[in-house]
Amino acid sequence: MDTPPINLTDNLVQYFSGQGQFESLGVGSLSTNYTWPKRGEFPSYAHLANVEKITGSKYEKNIQLKKQSAKIWNAGDKFEVANWAISTWGGIRGNKPETVESYVKAIVSGERPKQLKGVASYSKILSFMNPKEYAIYDARVAISLNAIQLLNEETSGTIFRYLPGRNKQLQKFRNLPSTKAASLSQLGWASLKKDECYSNYLTILKRVNTELRGSELYELEMSLFADAETLADMYFRRSHPRVGAP
């Protein structure tokens, strides 16, 4: 995808700008809507490299982390940093050490992973290494991207590949007949190939970021992550209005 579809860019610009039905969502509301980790304290990364101590809310700590992550990656042990980004900070604990090591070796050698399998893990490493060039793609991000288009009643959208997730509210969205890839294809939406999904996602996000101006790539990804449940609920309520409601 050399040039993202205009309608997709427009849909995402509207969302990120918090326009219309997306008021109180997007980049402008990120400091209110973004909380990670959901439970517990923000994990320390002082042992990874000699960097500035972070303070403030969880949102503020994550922004400070993004601003220092490239320095941490360059100064620290690559495997230790990658494992911290995926597991300790990212909450994905099912990877075998050799799997994380294979991601690190590929990234360090310049052979960036592109497969759909494992993208929620290796995209965290890439984003940590260079948050201005790479963004995280996970289950929440995928659902947000599809939900935004559905809420705008897009008839020629782009299907972003769903990823496994444990959140029941997001599973409910994914299990709706109208949100499944087959149904979206019948509407006229274009499907992204598995091995091209992540690269196309980056292309689209960077294009949108040039339209917005003044925002960072990681702020767009953080917005998609933070707003996933709200967007999914908005679509569910629209597609399932209460019987007898005025």
Protein backbone atom coordinates (compact mmCIF):
# COMPACT_ATOMS: atom_id res chain seq x y z
CA MET A 1 0.00 0.00 0.00
CA ASP A 2 2.00 2.95 -1.31
CA THR A 3 -0.81 5.43 -0.77
CA PRO A 4 -3.54 4.78 1.83
CA PRO A 5 -7.13 5.13 0.59
CA ILE A 6 -8.40 8.69 1.01
CA ASN A 7 -11.54 7.53 2.82
CA LEU A 8 -9.46 5.59 5.38
CA THR A 9 -7.22 8.58 6.00
CA ASP A 10 -10.25 10.85 6.39
CA ASN A 11 -11.95 8.46 8.82
CA LEU A 12 -8.86 8.26 11.00
CA VAL A 13 -8.16 12.00 10.91
CA GLN A 14 -11.73 12.59 12.08
CA TYR A 15 -11.27 10.15 14.95
CA PHE A 16 -7.83 11.32 16.06
CA SER A 17 -9.03 14.93 15.94
CA GLY A 18 -12.01 14.09 18.18
CA GLN A 19 -14.55 15.36 15.65
CA GLY A 20 -18.26 14.57 15.57
CA GLN A 21 -19.17 11.26 17.17
CA PHE A 22 -15.53 10.87 18.25
CA GLU A 23 -15.65 13.82 20.63
CA SER A 24 -13.73 13.04 23.85
CA LEU A 25 -11.69 10.43 21.97
CA GLY A 26 -8.46 10.57 19.99
CA VAL A 27 -5.21 12.39 20.62
CA GLY A 28 -6.75 15.40 22.34
CA SER A 29 -8.22 13.19 25.06
CA LEU A 30 -5.25 10.87 25.40
CA SER A 31 -4.12 12.17 28.78
CA THR A 32 -7.57 11.35 30.18
CA ASN A 33 -8.29 8.08 28.38
CA TYR A 34 -4.90 6.35 28.44
CA THR A 35 -3.98 4.27 31.47
CA TRP A 36 -1.31 1.57 31.37
CA PRO A 37 -0.77 -0.69 33.11
CA LYS A 38 -4.42 -1.14 34.01
CA ARG A 39 -3.54 -2.59 37.40
CA GLY A 40 -0.59 -2.14 39.69
CA GLU A 41 2.28 0.30 39.62
CA PHE A 42 4.23 1.39 36.57
CA PRO A 43 7.19 -1.01 36.27
CA SER A 44 10.67 0.34 36.85
CA TYR A 45 13.17 0.30 34.01
CA ALA A 46 16.06 1.95 35.86
CA HIS A 47 18.02 -1.31 35.67
CA LEU A 48 17.95 -1.30 31.87
CA ALA A 49 19.98 1.85 31.32
CA ASN A 50 21.05 5.09 32.98
CA VAL A 51 18.11 7.34 32.10
CA GLU A 52 16.04 10.03 33.76
CA LYS A 53 13.65 8.99 36.51
CA ILE A 54 10.00 9.17 35.47
CA THR A 55 7.27 10.84 37.50
CA GLY A 56 3.59 11.73 37.29
CA SER A 57 0.52 9.80 36.20
CA LYS A 58 0.69 6.52 34.32
CA TYR A 59 -0.01 8.44 31.12
CA GLU A 60 2.84 10.86 31.82
CA LYS A 61 5.19 8.00 32.69
CA ASN A 62 4.39 6.27 29.40
CA ILE A 63 5.08 9.46 27.44
CA GLN A 64 8.41 9.85 29.26
CA LEU A 65 9.18 6.22 28.49
CA LYS A 66 8.49 6.76 24.78
CA LYS A 67 10.84 9.74 24.78
CA GLN A 68 13.64 7.71 26.39
CA SER A 69 13.07 4.28 24.87
CA ALA A 70 15.51 4.67 21.97
CA LYS A 71 18.25 5.63 24.42
CA ILE A 72 17.40 2.63 26.59
CA TRP A 73 17.50 0.34 23.55
CA ASN A 74 20.87 1.66 22.42
CA ALA A 75 22.48 1.58 25.87
CA GLY A 76 20.98 -1.57 27.34
CA ASP A 77 21.21 -5.29 26.70
CA LYS A 78 18.97 -5.86 23.67
CA PHE A 79 17.40 -9.09 24.88
CA GLU A 80 16.78 -7.72 28.38
CA VAL A 81 15.21 -4.54 26.97
CA ALA A 82 13.06 -6.50 24.52
CA ASN A 83 11.86 -8.88 27.20
CA TRP A 84 11.01 -5.95 29.50
CA ALA A 85 9.08 -4.19 26.71
CA ILE A 86 7.10 -7.29 25.78
CA SER A 87 6.53 -8.94 29.15
CA THR A 88 7.11 -6.61 32.10
CA TRP A 89 5.66 -3.49 30.52
CA GLY A 90 3.59 -5.00 27.71
CA GLY A 91 1.97 -7.79 29.73
CA ILE A 92 2.59 -10.55 27.17
CA ARG A 93 4.14 -13.41 29.10
CA GLY A 94 3.63 -16.38 26.81
CA ASN A 95 6.75 -15.97 24.66
CA LYS A 96 9.58 -18.45 24.97
CA PRO A 97 13.03 -16.86 25.45
CA GLU A 98 14.16 -18.18 22.07
CA THR A 99 11.18 -16.49 20.39
CA VAL A 100 12.08 -13.09 21.83
CA GLU A 101 15.71 -13.73 20.94
CA SER A 102 14.75 -14.46 17.32
CA TYR A 103 12.89 -11.15 17.13
CA VAL A 104 15.88 -9.29 18.56
CA LYS A 105 18.33 -10.93 16.16
CA ALA A 106 16.13 -10.12 13.17
CA ILE A 107 15.65 -6.50 14.25
CA VAL A 108 19.33 -5.92 15.04
CA SER A 109 20.34 -7.39 11.67
CA GLY A 110 17.95 -5.08 9.86
CA GLU A 111 15.57 -7.85 8.81
CA ARG A 112 12.42 -6.46 10.37
CA PRO A 113 9.76 -9.11 11.13
CA LYS A 114 6.62 -8.71 9.05
CA GLN A 115 4.51 -11.79 9.77
CA LEU A 116 1.17 -11.39 11.51
CA LYS A 117 2.00 -14.05 14.08
CA GLY A 118 3.82 -12.41 16.95
CA VAL A 119 3.21 -8.85 15.75
CA ALA A 120 1.85 -7.74 19.13
CA SER A 121 5.23 -8.75 20.61
CA TYR A 122 7.79 -7.75 18.01
CA SER A 123 6.07 -4.44 17.25
CA LYS A 124 6.66 -3.52 20.91
CA ILE A 125 10.38 -4.04 20.38
CA LEU A 126 10.38 -1.99 17.17
CA SER A 127 8.39 0.79 18.80
CA PHE A 128 10.76 0.77 21.77
CA MET A 129 13.77 0.95 19.45
CA ASN A 130 12.37 3.84 17.40
CA PRO A 131 8.94 5.20 18.44
CA LYS A 132 9.03 7.83 15.70
CA GLU A 133 9.13 5.17 12.98
CA TYR A 134 7.33 2.17 14.48
CA ALA A 135 4.08 1.73 16.39
CA ILE A 136 2.59 -1.17 18.31
CA TYR A 137 -0.06 -3.28 16.58
CA ASP A 138 -2.13 -5.41 18.95
CA ALA A 139 -5.68 -6.69 19.47
CA ARG A 140 -6.98 -3.34 20.75
CA VAL A 141 -5.46 -1.34 17.90
CA ALA A 142 -6.94 -3.67 15.26
CA ILE A 143 -10.43 -3.44 16.75
CA SER A 144 -10.26 0.34 17.00
CA LEU A 145 -9.24 0.68 13.36
CA ASN A 146 -12.16 -1.44 12.17
CA ALA A 147 -14.64 0.09 14.62
CA ILE A 148 -13.85 3.64 13.49
CA GLN A 149 -14.68 2.73 9.91
CA LEU A 150 -17.84 0.86 10.90
CA LEU A 151 -19.05 3.80 12.99
CA ASN A 152 -18.61 6.02 9.94
CA GLU A 153 -20.64 3.49 7.93
CA GLU A 154 -17.79 2.98 5.50
CA THR A 155 -18.71 0.89 2.45
CA SER A 156 -15.21 0.65 0.96
CA GLY A 157 -13.07 0.27 4.03
CA THR A 158 -9.86 -1.56 4.85
CA ILE A 159 -10.00 -4.72 6.96
CA PHE A 160 -7.35 -4.77 9.65
CA ARG A 161 -6.47 -8.25 10.82
CA TYR A 162 -7.80 -9.14 14.25
CA LEU A 163 -5.45 -10.60 16.83
CA PRO A 164 -6.24 -12.88 19.78
CA GLY A 165 -7.20 -11.04 22.95
CA ARG A 166 -8.62 -11.83 26.39
CA ASN A 167 -10.80 -8.75 26.88
CA LYS A 168 -14.43 -9.94 26.93
CA GLN A 169 -15.85 -6.64 25.71
CA LEU A 170 -13.57 -6.68 22.69
CA GLN A 171 -14.32 -10.35 22.07
CA LYS A 172 -18.01 -9.42 21.95
CA PHE A 173 -17.23 -6.91 19.20
CA ARG A 174 -15.20 -9.42 17.23
CA ASN A 175 -17.94 -12.04 17.49
CA LEU A 176 -20.61 -9.84 15.92
CA PRO A 177 -21.48 -11.15 12.45
CA SER A 178 -21.16 -7.64 10.99
CA THR A 179 -17.58 -7.16 12.22
CA LYS A 180 -16.15 -10.39 10.84
CA ALA A 181 -13.78 -10.21 7.89
CA ALA A 182 -16.13 -12.17 5.62
CA SER A 183 -18.99 -9.73 6.26
CA LEU A 184 -16.76 -6.72 5.73
CA SER A 185 -15.50 -8.19 2.46
CA GLN A 186 -19.08 -8.55 1.27
CA LEU A 187 -19.58 -4.85 1.99
CA GLY A 188 -16.73 -4.05 -0.36
CA TRP A 189 -13.92 -3.63 2.16
CA ALA A 190 -10.37 -4.55 1.06
CA SER A 191 -8.49 -7.19 3.04
CA LEU A 192 -4.84 -6.81 3.99
CA LYS A 193 -2.57 -9.81 3.46
CA LYS A 194 -1.24 -11.28 6.69
CA ASP A 195 2.39 -10.46 5.97
CA GLU A 196 1.52 -6.95 4.82
CA CYS A 197 -0.82 -5.94 7.61
CA TYR A 198 1.80 -4.41 9.89
CA SER A 199 3.69 -2.53 7.17
CA ASN A 200 0.42 -1.15 5.79
CA TYR A 201 -0.64 -0.13 9.28
CA LEU A 202 2.57 1.88 9.64
CA THR A 203 2.11 3.49 6.22
CA ILE A 204 -1.43 4.53 7.10
CA LEU A 205 -0.53 5.85 10.54
CA LYS A 206 2.35 7.91 9.16
CA ARG A 207 0.14 9.37 6.44
CA VAL A 208 -2.51 10.32 8.98
CA ASN A 209 0.16 11.84 11.22
CA THR A 210 1.26 14.18 8.43
CA GLU A 211 -2.35 15.32 8.07
CA LEU A 212 -2.71 15.98 11.79
CA ARG A 213 0.60 17.76 12.35
CA GLY A 214 1.99 18.35 15.80
CA SER A 215 1.38 14.82 17.07
CA GLU A 216 3.76 11.91 17.53
CA LEU A 217 3.28 8.52 15.89
CA TYR A 218 3.16 6.87 19.30
CA GLU A 219 0.32 9.17 20.37
CA LEU A 220 -1.83 7.81 17.54
CA GLU A 221 -1.11 4.22 18.56
CA MET A 222 -1.74 5.03 22.22
CA SER A 223 -5.11 6.59 21.30
CA LEU A 224 -6.19 3.51 19.36
CA PHE A 225 -5.18 1.34 22.30
CA ALA A 226 -6.89 3.50 24.92
CA ASP A 227 -10.18 3.97 23.05
CA ALA A 228 -10.73 0.37 21.90
CA GLU A 229 -13.37 -0.53 24.47
CA THR A 230 -15.26 2.73 23.98
CA LEU A 231 -15.27 2.41 20.20
CA ALA A 232 -16.35 -1.24 20.38
CA ASP A 233 -19.17 -0.32 22.77
CA MET A 234 -20.29 2.57 20.55
CA TYR A 235 -20.63 0.21 17.61
CA PHE A 236 -22.31 -2.51 19.67
CA ARG A 237 -24.92 -0.08 20.95
CA ARG A 238 -25.58 1.22 17.46
CA SER A 239 -25.94 -2.23 15.96
CA HIS A 240 -28.04 -3.49 18.89
CA PRO A 241 -30.46 -0.70 19.87
CA ARG A 242 -32.65 -1.46 22.84
CA VAL A 243 -36.00 -2.94 21.95
CA GLY A 244 -38.75 -0.42 22.64
CA ALA A 245 -36.34 2.46 23.19
CA PRO A 246 -37.70 5.86 22.11
